[in-house]
Amino acid sequence: MTTTPPAFETLQYAVQNGIATISLHRPEKMNAFTHQMCEDLIAAFDATDADDNVRAVIVTGSGRAFCAGADLSSGGATFDYEKRYGSTGVKRDGGGRVVLRIFRSLKPVIAAVNGAAVGVGVTMQLPMDIRIASTDAKFGLVFARRGITPEAASSWFLSRVVGISTALEWCFSGRVFSAQEAHERGLVRSLHAPEDLLPAAYAIAREIADNAAPVSVAMARQMIWRMAGAAHPMDAHKVDSRAIQSRGQSDDAKEGIASFLEKRPAQFPNRVSSQMPDFFDWQGEPDFE
């Protein structure tokens, strides 16, 4: 089944056979990140959450880059928000808004890093659940070399993904590193020849889309991400206990057990858009103050 996609200025968006593909699409600028791309990505993840045909999401880049970082066409004023926008006070960074929207996603997200990923091109990947890369990809947390700091909530995500020592080394040096190093240090799951990258991403997405109950996947995604920051395992025990009790009474559980015993594919009836249990705020977010 193919869903008619929404239109975006800086993205290509398609849904086919249960998998949404979001391609950063400014190839002439190596998919450099702009305010419009920020708004488009937030809207795209709103669309994937609302569409029950979507079982998994793949994010990749058009052309030879994944994302070359922030668009620097404004020169030295690129990150001077007061000068650019005439505003005072703290302005939310655009990468952070995107990352927090991905964090709240109810669908699993796979990054297929096809080329250069620098600055926000790396940090936007961190809340994505599975990251795979082309052997041609390169990565760089170059903020210190531009006289700025890590952004997009990466001070929360990066050390959770690769550990504190690696996170600090990469941020201190600001050097660009290879796909091989990204793999060795745990930033990406696997490396693939360029022509094999998207097929590998689709194979991962297909395994999820064809076999797993969407509501169970949505709950597991939020439980594992959110409990990574919990103060004590008891917090997870409380959520897990309520989750298994809720799911155990569901039509999905009845179907999952019946299909296993009958040795047939499951047809899970519950829908993410309307049947998430109400014992937890699955997409809650603190205010920015």
Protein backbone atom coordinates (compact mmCIF):
# COMPACT_ATOMS: atom_id res chain seq x y z
CA MET A 1 0.00 0.00 0.00
CA THR A 2 1.28 3.49 -0.87
CA THR A 3 0.11 6.55 1.06
CA THR A 4 -0.20 9.94 -0.65
CA PRO A 5 2.65 11.88 0.95
CA PRO A 6 2.58 15.42 2.33
CA ALA A 7 4.75 17.92 0.45
CA PHE A 8 7.80 19.55 2.02
CA GLU A 9 10.18 22.21 0.77
CA THR A 10 13.39 20.61 2.05
CA LEU A 11 12.46 16.93 2.29
CA GLN A 12 11.30 14.07 0.13
CA TYR A 13 8.67 11.99 1.94
CA ALA A 14 7.15 8.70 0.87
CA VAL A 15 5.29 5.82 2.50
CA GLN A 16 5.26 2.41 0.89
CA ASN A 17 4.38 -0.98 2.34
CA GLY A 18 4.38 0.28 5.90
CA ILE A 19 7.73 2.10 5.75
CA ALA A 20 8.10 5.90 5.62
CA THR A 21 11.23 7.29 4.00
CA ILE A 22 12.26 10.85 4.86
CA SER A 23 15.10 12.15 2.68
CA LEU A 24 16.82 15.42 3.53
CA HIS A 25 16.63 17.11 0.15
CA ARG A 26 18.92 20.04 -0.46
CA PRO A 27 21.50 18.08 -2.45
CA GLU A 28 23.06 21.17 -4.00
CA LYS A 29 23.88 22.33 -0.43
CA MET A 30 24.81 18.87 0.88
CA ASN A 31 21.47 18.91 2.73
CA ALA A 32 22.62 21.71 5.03
CA PHE A 33 20.19 22.34 7.88
CA THR A 34 17.95 25.43 7.76
CA HIS A 35 15.01 26.80 9.71
CA GLN A 36 12.73 25.45 6.98
CA MET A 37 14.25 21.98 7.27
CA CYS A 38 13.66 22.15 11.02
CA GLU A 39 9.97 22.90 10.50
CA ASP A 40 9.68 20.28 7.75
CA LEU A 41 11.23 17.53 9.87
CA ILE A 42 8.93 18.26 12.80
CA ALA A 43 5.92 18.13 10.47
CA ALA A 44 7.17 14.92 8.86
CA PHE A 45 7.36 13.15 12.22
CA ASP A 46 3.91 14.48 13.07
CA ALA A 47 2.77 12.80 9.84
CA THR A 48 4.41 9.45 10.57
CA ASP A 49 2.91 9.31 14.06
CA ALA A 50 -0.57 10.10 12.74
CA ASP A 51 -0.45 7.52 9.93
CA ASP A 52 -1.29 3.99 11.08
CA ASN A 53 0.02 2.68 7.77
CA VAL A 54 3.53 3.66 8.93
CA ARG A 55 5.23 0.93 10.94
CA ALA A 56 8.82 2.23 10.71
CA VAL A 57 10.67 5.35 9.52
CA ILE A 58 13.93 5.63 7.58
CA VAL A 59 15.84 8.93 7.45
CA THR A 60 18.52 9.44 4.80
CA GLY A 61 20.00 12.17 2.60
CA SER A 62 19.66 13.02 -1.08
CA GLY A 63 22.83 13.15 -3.14
CA ARG A 64 26.30 12.61 -1.72
CA ALA A 65 25.72 13.86 1.85
CA PHE A 66 23.49 12.99 4.77
CA CYS A 67 23.64 16.50 6.24
CA ALA A 68 26.65 18.81 6.15
CA GLY A 69 25.52 20.66 9.28
CA ALA A 70 23.97 24.09 9.62
CA ASP A 71 23.65 26.24 6.52
CA LEU A 72 26.40 28.84 7.01
CA SER A 73 25.23 31.21 4.28
CA SER A 74 24.63 33.91 6.93
CA GLY A 75 28.34 33.86 7.68
CA GLY A 76 29.53 34.87 11.12
CA ALA A 77 25.98 35.73 12.19
CA THR A 78 24.70 32.18 11.59
CA PHE A 79 24.39 31.44 15.31
CA ASP A 80 23.87 35.03 16.50
CA TYR A 81 20.13 34.78 17.00
CA GLU A 82 19.74 38.28 18.44
CA LYS A 83 21.39 39.79 15.38
CA ARG A 84 19.57 37.59 12.88
CA TYR A 85 16.10 37.62 14.40
CA GLY A 86 16.15 40.77 16.52
CA SER A 87 15.09 38.78 19.56
CA THR A 88 16.45 38.81 23.07
CA GLY A 89 16.41 36.10 25.69
CA VAL A 90 17.06 32.41 25.05
CA LYS A 91 15.90 31.14 21.67
CA ARG A 92 15.46 27.38 21.25
CA ASP A 93 17.99 25.87 18.88
CA GLY A 94 16.37 24.32 15.81
CA GLY A 95 18.29 21.07 16.00
CA GLY A 96 17.06 20.61 19.55
CA ARG A 97 13.46 21.07 18.48
CA VAL A 98 13.91 18.38 15.81
CA VAL A 99 15.69 15.98 18.15
CA LEU A 100 13.00 16.32 20.81
CA ARG A 101 10.33 15.62 18.20
CA ILE A 102 12.15 12.49 17.08
CA PHE A 103 12.53 11.49 20.74
CA ARG A 104 8.73 11.63 21.08
CA SER A 105 8.16 9.50 17.97
CA LEU A 106 5.82 6.54 18.36
CA LYS A 107 7.39 4.78 15.38
CA PRO A 108 10.90 3.26 15.29
CA VAL A 109 13.40 5.44 13.42
CA ILE A 110 16.34 4.15 11.37
CA ALA A 111 19.10 6.47 10.15
CA ALA A 112 20.70 5.46 6.85
CA VAL A 113 23.76 7.72 6.76
CA ASN A 114 24.75 7.88 3.12
CA GLY A 115 27.56 10.45 3.25
CA ALA A 116 28.96 13.37 5.19
CA ALA A 117 27.26 14.01 8.54
CA VAL A 118 28.62 17.05 10.36
CA GLY A 119 27.34 19.07 13.32
CA VAL A 120 23.57 18.80 13.44
CA GLY A 121 23.96 16.13 10.76
CA VAL A 122 25.31 13.94 13.57
CA THR A 123 23.30 15.21 16.52
CA MET A 124 19.94 14.77 14.78
CA GLN A 125 20.76 11.06 14.45
CA LEU A 126 21.21 10.50 18.17
CA PRO A 127 17.51 9.96 19.08
CA MET A 128 17.10 7.65 16.08
CA ASP A 129 16.89 4.08 17.29
CA ILE A 130 19.12 2.30 14.79
CA ARG A 131 21.89 4.00 12.81
CA ILE A 132 23.61 2.37 9.86
CA ALA A 133 26.11 4.01 7.53
CA SER A 134 27.74 3.81 4.14
CA THR A 135 31.43 3.00 4.12
CA ASP A 136 31.79 6.40 2.42
CA ALA A 137 30.19 8.29 5.32
CA LYS A 138 32.16 10.66 7.52
CA PHE A 139 31.13 12.21 10.83
CA GLY A 140 32.17 15.31 12.72
CA LEU A 141 31.10 17.04 15.93
CA VAL A 142 32.89 20.17 14.75
CA PHE A 143 31.32 22.71 17.13
CA ALA A 144 34.50 23.66 19.02
CA ARG A 145 36.24 24.35 15.70
CA ARG A 146 33.50 26.87 14.88
CA GLY A 147 33.67 28.56 18.27
CA ILE A 148 30.33 27.20 19.44
CA THR A 149 29.14 24.24 21.53
CA PRO A 150 27.25 20.99 20.96
CA GLU A 151 23.52 21.53 20.41
CA ALA A 152 20.34 19.57 19.70
CA ALA A 153 20.26 18.12 23.23
CA SER A 154 23.41 16.16 22.35
CA SER A 155 24.78 16.78 25.85
CA TRP A 156 22.04 14.35 26.94
CA PHE A 157 22.06 11.92 24.02
CA LEU A 158 25.68 11.57 22.89
CA SER A 159 27.17 10.06 26.04
CA ARG A 160 24.24 7.65 26.29
CA VAL A 161 24.96 6.41 22.78
CA VAL A 162 28.79 6.23 22.78
CA GLY A 163 29.89 6.80 26.39
CA ILE A 164 31.28 9.89 28.09
CA SER A 165 34.94 9.48 27.09
CA THR A 166 34.21 9.10 23.38
CA ALA A 167 31.64 11.89 23.48
CA LEU A 168 34.12 14.26 25.08
CA GLU A 169 37.00 13.29 22.79
CA TRP A 170 34.93 13.93 19.68
CA CYS A 171 33.57 17.23 21.03
CA PHE A 172 36.95 18.46 22.33
CA SER A 173 38.79 17.83 19.06
CA GLY A 174 36.01 18.64 16.61
CA ARG A 175 37.74 16.36 14.12
CA VAL A 176 36.02 14.59 11.26
CA PHE A 177 36.19 10.80 11.65
CA SER A 178 35.51 7.80 9.47
CA ALA A 179 32.53 5.50 9.26
CA GLN A 180 34.81 2.75 10.55
CA GLU A 181 35.52 4.71 13.73
CA ALA A 182 31.82 5.52 14.13
CA HIS A 183 31.13 1.79 13.95
CA GLU A 184 33.93 0.81 16.33
CA ARG A 185 32.77 3.36 18.91
CA GLY A 186 29.10 2.37 18.73
CA LEU A 187 27.62 5.36 16.93
CA VAL A 188 26.44 3.16 14.06
CA ARG A 189 25.25 -0.44 14.10
CA SER A 190 26.76 -1.58 10.80
CA LEU A 191 28.57 -0.41 7.67
CA HIS A 192 27.44 -1.09 4.11
CA ALA A 193 28.65 -0.49 0.60
CA PRO A 194 26.92 2.64 -0.75
CA GLU A 195 24.65 0.65 -3.05
CA ASP A 196 23.65 -1.68 -0.20
CA LEU A 197 22.83 0.97 2.41
CA LEU A 198 19.15 1.61 1.69
CA PRO A 199 18.37 -2.08 1.05
CA ALA A 200 19.89 -2.83 4.46
CA ALA A 201 17.79 -0.11 6.10
CA TYR A 202 14.65 -1.42 4.44
CA ALA A 203 15.44 -4.97 5.58
CA ILE A 204 15.63 -3.78 9.20
CA ALA A 205 12.41 -1.79 8.83
CA ARG A 206 10.69 -4.69 7.08
CA GLU A 207 11.50 -7.06 9.95
CA ILE A 208 9.74 -4.68 12.35
CA ALA A 209 6.83 -3.81 10.07
CA ASP A 210 5.99 -7.40 9.20
CA ASN A 211 6.25 -9.02 12.62
CA ALA A 212 5.72 -6.64 15.53
CA ALA A 213 2.56 -5.14 17.04
CA PRO A 214 2.70 -1.37 16.37
CA VAL A 215 1.36 -0.38 19.79
CA SER A 216 3.87 -2.68 21.50
CA VAL A 217 6.68 -1.16 19.44
CA ALA A 218 5.56 2.39 20.26
CA MET A 219 5.37 1.60 23.97
CA ALA A 220 8.74 -0.18 24.02
CA ARG A 221 10.40 2.73 22.23
CA GLN A 222 9.18 5.30 24.74
CA MET A 223 9.74 3.06 27.76
CA ILE A 224 13.36 2.31 26.93
CA TRP A 225 14.33 5.84 25.88
CA ARG A 226 12.60 7.56 28.79
CA MET A 227 13.72 5.10 31.45
CA ALA A 228 17.35 5.65 30.35
CA GLY A 229 17.16 8.87 32.35
CA ALA A 230 15.19 7.55 35.32
CA ALA A 231 16.60 8.07 38.80
CA HIS A 232 16.06 4.45 39.94
CA PRO A 233 15.09 1.10 38.34
CA MET A 234 11.90 1.26 40.41
CA ASP A 235 10.66 3.92 38.01
CA ALA A 236 11.04 1.43 35.17
CA HIS A 237 9.45 -1.35 37.24
CA LYS A 238 6.35 0.78 37.78
CA VAL A 239 6.00 1.55 34.08
CA ASP A 240 6.84 -1.99 32.96
CA SER A 241 4.29 -3.52 35.35
CA ARG A 242 1.51 -1.27 34.10
CA ALA A 243 2.55 -1.85 30.50
CA ILE A 244 2.52 -5.64 30.63
CA GLN A 245 -0.81 -5.62 32.46
CA SER A 246 -2.33 -3.29 29.87
CA ARG A 247 -0.94 -5.17 26.89
CA GLY A 248 -1.86 -8.53 28.40
CA GLN A 249 -5.54 -7.59 28.19
CA SER A 250 -5.32 -6.29 24.62
CA ASP A 251 -6.61 -7.74 21.38
CA ASP A 252 -3.03 -7.62 20.14
CA ALA A 253 -1.92 -10.04 22.86
CA LYS A 254 -4.75 -12.42 22.04
CA GLU A 255 -3.79 -12.30 18.37
CA GLY A 256 -0.07 -12.62 19.06
CA ILE A 257 -0.52 -15.76 21.14
CA ALA A 258 -3.11 -17.29 18.79
CA SER A 259 -0.96 -16.70 15.71
CA PHE A 260 2.05 -18.26 17.43
CA LEU A 261 0.11 -21.36 18.44
CA GLU A 262 -1.50 -21.62 15.01
CA LYS A 263 1.84 -21.05 13.24
CA ARG A 264 0.58 -18.19 11.07
CA PRO A 265 1.48 -14.51 10.62
CA ALA A 266 -0.15 -12.22 13.17
CA GLN A 267 -2.64 -9.54 12.17
CA PHE A 268 -2.45 -7.10 15.06
CA PRO A 269 -5.63 -4.98 15.29
CA ASN A 270 -4.66 -2.21 17.75
CA ARG A 271 -3.72 1.22 16.36
CA VAL A 272 -1.09 3.64 17.62
CA SER A 273 -3.15 6.69 16.66
CA SER A 274 -6.05 5.80 18.94
CA GLN A 275 -5.22 2.88 21.26
CA MET A 276 -2.13 3.77 23.27
CA PRO A 277 -2.87 3.03 26.95
CA ASP A 278 -3.47 6.06 29.14
CA PHE A 279 -1.45 5.13 32.25
CA PHE A 280 1.63 7.02 30.94
CA ASP A 281 2.23 10.27 29.09
CA TRP A 282 3.90 8.67 26.08
CA GLN A 283 4.79 11.94 24.36
CA GLY A 284 5.13 14.28 27.33
CA GLU A 285 7.73 17.03 27.24
CA PRO A 286 8.74 19.57 29.91
CA ASP A 287 8.31 23.25 29.12
CA PHE A 288 11.29 25.20 27.79
CA GLU A 289 11.91 27.93 30.35
